Amino acid sequence: MTAPHLKNTQFPDTGPSATTLRRLYTVEEALTILNVSRSTLYREMRAGRLVRVKRGRSTRFTPAAIAEYVTLLEQESGAA
């Protein structure tokens, strides 16, 4: 079951074509997609529960990392 706020989010293995998919999301975009606070997002990154991609000072998230984090939350809540 997909979380309601993720229904229109395209992940690498879904959607019409790879050319229309986002490769990386910014912190602000991840906050919106996951509907969490900035402090929660950074706490989950430090704990290793949400995988990030770093390039210089920039932090980004792959669609797969976001999907895996949502799956983890669903499993922990017993929803999966």
Protein backbone atom coordinates (compact mmCIF):
# COMPACT_ATOMS: atom_id res chain seq x y z
CA MET A 1 0.00 0.00 0.00
CA THR A 2 1.41 3.41 -0.99
CA ALA A 3 1.09 6.35 1.37
CA PRO A 4 -1.51 8.84 0.05
CA HIS A 5 0.98 11.69 -0.33
CA LEU A 6 3.20 9.48 -2.52
CA LYS A 7 0.54 8.34 -5.01
CA ASN A 8 1.65 10.74 -7.75
CA THR A 9 5.37 10.36 -7.04
CA GLN A 10 7.18 8.45 -9.75
CA PHE A 11 9.90 6.08 -8.66
CA PRO A 12 12.57 4.49 -10.89
CA ASP A 13 10.70 1.26 -11.52
CA THR A 14 7.35 2.90 -12.28
CA GLY A 15 5.98 5.58 -14.57
CA PRO A 16 5.82 6.19 -18.29
CA SER A 17 9.49 6.73 -19.13
CA ALA A 18 12.84 7.17 -17.49
CA THR A 19 13.32 10.54 -19.17
CA THR A 20 10.45 12.07 -17.19
CA LEU A 21 11.69 10.85 -13.80
CA ARG A 22 13.62 12.91 -11.31
CA ARG A 23 17.03 11.50 -10.51
CA LEU A 24 17.58 13.36 -7.20
CA TYR A 25 15.37 15.31 -4.80
CA THR A 26 16.52 18.27 -2.68
CA VAL A 27 16.05 18.42 1.08
CA GLU A 28 13.07 20.72 0.63
CA GLU A 29 11.46 18.33 -1.87
CA ALA A 30 12.06 15.36 0.44
CA LEU A 31 10.44 17.31 3.31
CA THR A 32 7.35 17.82 1.16
CA ILE A 33 7.22 14.26 -0.16
CA LEU A 34 7.69 12.68 3.27
CA ASN A 35 5.68 15.30 5.17
CA VAL A 36 8.22 15.46 8.01
CA SER A 37 10.05 18.29 9.75
CA ARG A 38 13.60 19.27 8.85
CA SER A 39 14.88 18.03 12.22
CA THR A 40 13.18 14.64 11.70
CA LEU A 41 14.66 14.34 8.22
CA TYR A 42 18.19 15.04 9.48
CA ARG A 43 17.72 12.73 12.49
CA GLU A 44 16.69 9.88 10.16
CA MET A 45 19.72 10.55 7.95
CA ARG A 46 22.09 10.47 10.95
CA ALA A 47 20.49 7.23 12.12
CA GLY A 48 21.08 5.69 8.68
CA ARG A 49 17.37 5.10 8.09
CA LEU A 50 17.19 7.54 5.16
CA VAL A 51 20.04 7.27 2.66
CA ARG A 52 21.33 10.50 1.17
CA VAL A 53 23.65 11.43 -1.66
CA LYS A 54 26.23 14.12 -0.92
CA ARG A 55 28.03 16.19 -3.51
CA GLY A 56 30.10 18.90 -1.93
CA ARG A 57 27.78 20.69 0.46
CA SER A 58 24.60 19.56 -1.30
CA THR A 59 22.40 16.82 0.11
CA ARG A 60 20.09 14.96 -2.27
CA PHE A 61 17.87 11.88 -2.15
CA THR A 62 17.21 9.29 -4.82
CA PRO A 63 13.61 8.27 -5.46
CA ALA A 64 14.60 4.73 -4.43
CA ALA A 65 15.94 5.97 -1.06
CA ILE A 66 12.68 7.79 -0.38
CA ALA A 67 10.64 4.73 -1.37
CA GLU A 68 12.77 2.47 0.86
CA TYR A 69 12.29 4.84 3.79
CA VAL A 70 8.51 4.83 3.30
CA THR A 71 8.56 1.02 3.12
CA LEU A 72 10.54 0.93 6.37
CA LEU A 73 7.97 3.17 8.05
CA GLU A 74 5.12 1.02 6.76
CA GLN A 75 6.80 -2.14 8.07
CA GLU A 76 7.37 -0.57 11.47
CA SER A 77 3.75 0.51 11.70
CA GLY A 78 2.50 -2.91 10.60
CA ALA A 79 0.84 -1.43 7.50
CA ALA A 80 2.87 -3.40 4.97
